[in-house]
Amino acid sequence: KGSISQSLFDDNNKLDTAEAEALEKAFMEEIPSKITEDKPIYIICNSGARGARAAAVLLQRAGYDTSRIHTITGGATGLEVRYAFLGTNNAVTGAEAVAAVDSNDVVIVDVRTKENFANGHLKNSLSLPVFYLNEEGKQVVAETNQDPYAITFAKYVQDNPSTFSGKKVYVLCNSGQRGARAATALLADNGVDKNTIYTITGGAGDETVKGAFVTVDGYKFVSGTDAIAAAKDGS
């Protein structure tokens, strides 16, 4: 939303053809009338590499100060960007998600780390992580659709269309934010109708969701702190 279209790539996604040269000429002629305000300029290309560099050079030649020019990291491969492309923000509450665990019309996709899934998850949910532990043991989320976890996620969706066809897809992440957006983008890019994808508000932090978690062997669990509090208040 709000972006300006000024292509430098030809129909075959190349930069070094006669058609691309014509696009470069058009860029120099048309951009001055499109960018008239003294604001930062963000460039988006396919991957945040060649196209962005070419555009940056042309913008400088057109007289725009270098300090104003920024490349969007990852370009159109970025999952935050791809989510924004969708223009959707469907959501369900934790209570609605818990009520749907046995529904044949809903598939719950848990995108947290496989370790978190093993510790506790909603009954019948599907583990497709976009979160994982890096080499330092820190939890990170896939940033682009070229991330190994994103590729694995996408392949599963492509190979199992019947899992999602005709169903609502509820996405569970840590907090209902970055991971859910990344997963929504991957689902939609790989054949799932964007209008059937819903983020579980609050994610795994929602109290109703946490209270419904089961472990891999089917047992529910509760933290020691919560157990003590429940004993004290008689609930």
Protein backbone atom coordinates (compact mmCIF):
# COMPACT_ATOMS: atom_id res chain seq x y z
CA LYS A 1 0.00 0.00 0.00
CA GLY A 2 1.28 3.46 -0.91
CA SER A 3 4.19 2.26 -3.05
CA ILE A 4 5.24 3.67 -6.41
CA SER A 5 5.72 1.31 -9.36
CA GLN A 6 8.80 1.99 -11.48
CA SER A 7 10.09 -1.23 -12.98
CA LEU A 8 13.69 -1.88 -13.99
CA PHE A 9 13.26 -5.58 -14.76
CA ASP A 10 12.03 -6.77 -18.16
CA ASP A 11 9.29 -9.37 -18.66
CA ASN A 12 11.86 -12.15 -18.17
CA ASN A 13 13.07 -10.62 -14.91
CA LYS A 14 16.36 -9.45 -16.43
CA LEU A 15 18.22 -6.15 -16.11
CA ASP A 16 20.62 -6.36 -19.05
CA THR A 17 18.38 -6.40 -22.12
CA ALA A 18 17.17 -3.81 -24.62
CA GLU A 19 13.80 -3.78 -22.89
CA ALA A 20 15.51 -3.17 -19.55
CA GLU A 21 17.49 -0.30 -21.06
CA ALA A 22 14.20 1.30 -22.13
CA LEU A 23 12.87 0.83 -18.61
CA GLU A 24 16.00 2.50 -17.21
CA LYS A 25 15.44 5.48 -19.50
CA ALA A 26 11.80 5.66 -18.41
CA PHE A 27 12.94 5.51 -14.78
CA MET A 28 15.11 8.61 -15.20
CA GLU A 29 12.36 10.47 -17.02
CA GLU A 30 9.43 9.59 -14.75
CA ILE A 31 10.84 9.36 -11.22
CA PRO A 32 11.36 13.14 -10.73
CA SER A 33 7.62 13.69 -11.14
CA LYS A 34 6.78 10.81 -8.82
CA ILE A 35 9.13 11.59 -5.94
CA THR A 36 8.78 15.29 -5.18
CA GLU A 37 8.81 15.35 -1.38
CA ASP A 38 11.94 15.35 0.77
CA LYS A 39 11.33 11.98 2.41
CA PRO A 40 13.36 8.76 2.76
CA ILE A 41 13.15 6.52 -0.30
CA TYR A 42 12.74 2.77 0.27
CA ILE A 43 13.54 0.49 -2.66
CA ILE A 44 11.98 -2.94 -3.03
CA CYS A 45 13.20 -5.40 -5.64
CA ASN A 46 13.03 -9.18 -5.96
CA SER A 47 15.62 -9.97 -3.33
CA GLY A 48 17.14 -6.72 -2.10
CA ALA A 49 20.19 -7.09 -4.34
CA ARG A 50 20.71 -6.28 -8.05
CA GLY A 51 17.53 -4.35 -8.73
CA ALA A 52 17.88 -2.27 -5.59
CA ARG A 53 21.50 -1.43 -6.40
CA ALA A 54 20.56 -0.40 -9.94
CA ALA A 55 17.72 1.78 -8.68
CA ALA A 56 19.95 3.39 -6.05
CA VAL A 57 22.49 4.36 -8.73
CA LEU A 58 19.78 5.85 -10.94
CA LEU A 59 18.27 7.79 -8.04
CA GLN A 60 21.66 9.28 -7.26
CA ARG A 61 22.10 10.24 -10.92
CA ALA A 62 18.68 11.88 -10.80
CA GLY A 63 19.88 14.07 -7.96
CA TYR A 64 18.49 12.36 -4.88
CA ASP A 65 20.80 12.48 -1.87
CA THR A 66 22.37 9.13 -0.98
CA SER A 67 21.35 9.51 2.67
CA ARG A 68 17.69 9.30 1.64
CA ILE A 69 18.01 6.00 -0.26
CA HIS A 70 17.39 2.69 1.54
CA THR A 71 17.11 -0.92 0.32
CA ILE A 72 14.41 -3.10 1.86
CA THR A 73 16.32 -6.12 3.18
CA GLY A 74 15.32 -9.33 1.42
CA GLY A 75 13.13 -7.46 -1.06
CA ALA A 76 10.03 -9.34 -2.12
CA THR A 77 11.35 -12.54 -0.50
CA GLY A 78 10.86 -11.01 2.95
CA LEU A 79 7.98 -12.63 4.80
CA GLU A 80 6.90 -9.38 6.47
CA VAL A 81 6.73 -7.80 3.01
CA ARG A 82 4.88 -10.76 1.54
CA TYR A 83 2.37 -10.60 4.39
CA ALA A 84 1.83 -6.90 3.68
CA PHE A 85 1.19 -7.77 0.02
CA LEU A 86 -1.81 -9.85 1.13
CA GLY A 87 -3.64 -6.96 2.75
CA THR A 88 -5.37 -9.26 5.22
CA ASN A 89 -5.43 -9.52 9.02
CA ASN A 90 -8.00 -12.18 9.91
CA ALA A 91 -7.94 -13.27 13.55
CA VAL A 92 -9.69 -15.52 16.07
CA THR A 93 -9.55 -15.47 19.84
CA GLY A 94 -7.78 -18.08 21.91
CA ALA A 95 -11.16 -19.32 23.11
CA GLU A 96 -12.36 -19.78 19.53
CA ALA A 97 -9.22 -21.70 18.69
CA VAL A 98 -9.54 -23.99 21.71
CA ALA A 99 -13.18 -24.66 20.84
CA ALA A 100 -12.10 -25.77 17.36
CA VAL A 101 -9.47 -28.37 18.28
CA ASP A 102 -11.81 -31.25 17.38
CA SER A 103 -13.43 -29.55 14.39
CA ASN A 104 -13.11 -31.15 10.96
CA ASP A 105 -13.49 -27.69 9.44
CA VAL A 106 -10.39 -26.19 11.06
CA VAL A 107 -6.69 -27.02 10.95
CA ILE A 108 -4.51 -25.42 13.61
CA VAL A 109 -0.94 -24.76 12.46
CA ASP A 110 1.56 -24.30 15.27
CA VAL A 111 4.56 -22.35 13.98
CA ARG A 112 6.56 -22.20 17.21
CA THR A 113 9.82 -24.12 17.65
CA LYS A 114 9.59 -27.90 17.62
CA GLU A 115 10.86 -27.78 21.22
CA ASN A 116 7.97 -25.55 22.31
CA PHE A 117 5.52 -27.76 20.45
CA ALA A 118 6.82 -30.83 22.29
CA ASN A 119 6.42 -29.09 25.65
CA GLY A 120 2.81 -28.18 24.99
CA HIS A 121 0.43 -27.55 22.10
CA LEU A 122 -3.25 -27.53 21.21
CA LYS A 123 -4.79 -30.93 20.59
CA ASN A 124 -4.72 -32.08 16.94
CA SER A 125 -2.55 -29.14 15.87
CA LEU A 126 0.05 -29.44 13.13
CA SER A 127 3.66 -28.48 13.85
CA LEU A 128 5.14 -26.41 11.00
CA PRO A 129 7.78 -24.22 12.64
CA VAL A 130 8.93 -20.87 11.31
CA PHE A 131 10.65 -20.29 14.65
CA TYR A 132 13.81 -22.22 15.44
CA LEU A 133 16.90 -22.14 17.63
CA ASN A 134 20.00 -20.73 15.94
CA GLU A 135 23.57 -21.86 16.54
CA GLU A 136 23.72 -19.72 19.67
CA GLY A 137 20.59 -21.34 21.05
CA LYS A 138 18.52 -18.18 20.56
CA GLN A 139 15.01 -18.37 19.14
CA VAL A 140 14.68 -16.71 15.76
CA VAL A 141 12.02 -16.54 13.07
CA ALA A 142 12.42 -17.13 9.34
CA GLU A 143 12.89 -13.72 7.70
CA THR A 144 12.54 -14.63 4.03
CA ASN A 145 10.98 -17.38 1.95
CA GLN A 146 14.54 -18.58 1.23
CA ASP A 147 15.14 -19.53 4.86
CA PRO A 148 15.51 -23.35 5.21
CA TYR A 149 12.57 -23.51 7.62
CA ALA A 150 10.43 -21.44 5.26
CA ILE A 151 11.34 -23.75 2.38
CA THR A 152 10.39 -26.82 4.44
CA PHE A 153 7.13 -25.13 5.46
CA ALA A 154 6.29 -24.25 1.85
CA LYS A 155 7.06 -27.75 0.59
CA TYR A 156 4.72 -29.31 3.15
CA VAL A 157 1.90 -26.98 2.13
CA GLN A 158 2.49 -27.70 -1.55
CA ASP A 159 2.66 -31.47 -1.01
CA ASN A 160 -0.44 -31.66 1.22
CA PRO A 161 -3.13 -29.44 -0.34
CA SER A 162 -5.94 -31.61 1.07
CA THR A 163 -4.83 -30.72 4.60
CA PHE A 164 -5.89 -27.12 4.03
CA SER A 165 -8.48 -27.28 1.24
CA GLY A 166 -11.97 -26.24 2.30
CA LYS A 167 -10.88 -25.52 5.87
CA LYS A 168 -10.15 -22.54 8.03
CA VAL A 169 -6.49 -22.37 9.02
CA TYR A 170 -5.74 -21.06 12.51
CA VAL A 171 -2.10 -20.05 13.02
CA LEU A 172 -0.55 -20.26 16.47
CA CYS A 173 2.76 -18.54 17.21
CA ASN A 174 4.38 -17.20 20.37
CA SER A 175 2.42 -13.96 20.57
CA GLY A 176 0.22 -13.72 17.49
CA GLN A 177 2.57 -11.40 15.64
CA ARG A 178 5.75 -12.02 13.61
CA GLY A 179 5.53 -15.78 13.38
CA ALA A 180 1.86 -15.67 12.44
CA ARG A 181 2.53 -13.10 9.72
CA ALA A 182 5.40 -15.15 8.31
CA ALA A 183 3.30 -18.33 8.28
CA THR A 184 0.31 -16.56 6.74
CA ALA A 185 2.51 -15.33 3.91
CA LEU A 186 3.93 -18.81 3.33
CA LEU A 187 0.50 -20.43 3.40
CA ALA A 188 -0.98 -17.93 0.96
CA ASP A 189 2.02 -18.06 -1.38
CA ASN A 190 1.74 -21.83 -1.59
CA GLY A 191 -1.88 -22.31 -2.47
CA VAL A 192 -3.97 -21.61 0.63
CA ASP A 193 -6.73 -19.02 0.20
CA LYS A 194 -5.65 -15.96 2.21
CA ASN A 195 -9.24 -15.39 3.30
CA THR A 196 -9.25 -18.73 5.15
CA ILE A 197 -6.14 -17.98 7.24
CA TYR A 198 -6.58 -16.61 10.76
CA THR A 199 -4.09 -15.57 13.44
CA ILE A 200 -4.84 -16.79 16.98
CA THR A 201 -4.79 -13.53 18.92
CA GLY A 202 -2.19 -13.53 21.68
CA GLY A 203 -0.69 -16.77 20.42
CA ALA A 204 0.70 -19.15 23.01
CA GLY A 205 0.57 -16.33 25.55
CA ASP A 206 -3.22 -16.42 25.63
CA GLU A 207 -4.37 -17.89 28.96
CA THR A 208 -7.16 -19.97 27.42
CA VAL A 209 -4.75 -21.42 24.88
CA LYS A 210 -2.14 -22.22 27.53
CA GLY A 211 -4.77 -23.89 29.67
CA ALA A 212 -5.71 -26.20 26.81
CA PHE A 213 -2.19 -27.29 25.92
CA VAL A 214 -1.37 -30.99 25.90
CA THR A 215 2.05 -32.60 25.69
CA VAL A 216 3.18 -35.04 23.01
CA ASP A 217 1.83 -37.95 25.06
CA GLY A 218 -1.58 -36.30 25.36
CA TYR A 219 -1.34 -35.05 28.93
CA LYS A 220 -2.12 -31.50 29.93
CA PHE A 221 0.43 -29.66 32.04
CA VAL A 222 0.53 -26.64 34.36
CA SER A 223 3.43 -24.60 35.68
CA GLY A 224 4.43 -24.86 39.32
CA THR A 225 3.57 -21.19 39.84
CA ASP A 226 0.05 -21.65 38.46
CA ALA A 227 -0.48 -24.81 40.50
CA ILE A 228 0.48 -23.03 43.72
CA ALA A 229 -1.77 -20.08 42.91
CA ALA A 230 -4.69 -22.43 42.14
CA ALA A 231 -4.16 -24.29 45.41
CA LYS A 232 -4.11 -21.04 47.38
CA ASP A 233 -7.30 -19.63 45.85
CA GLY A 234 -9.12 -22.96 45.97
CA SER A 235 -9.81 -23.15 42.24
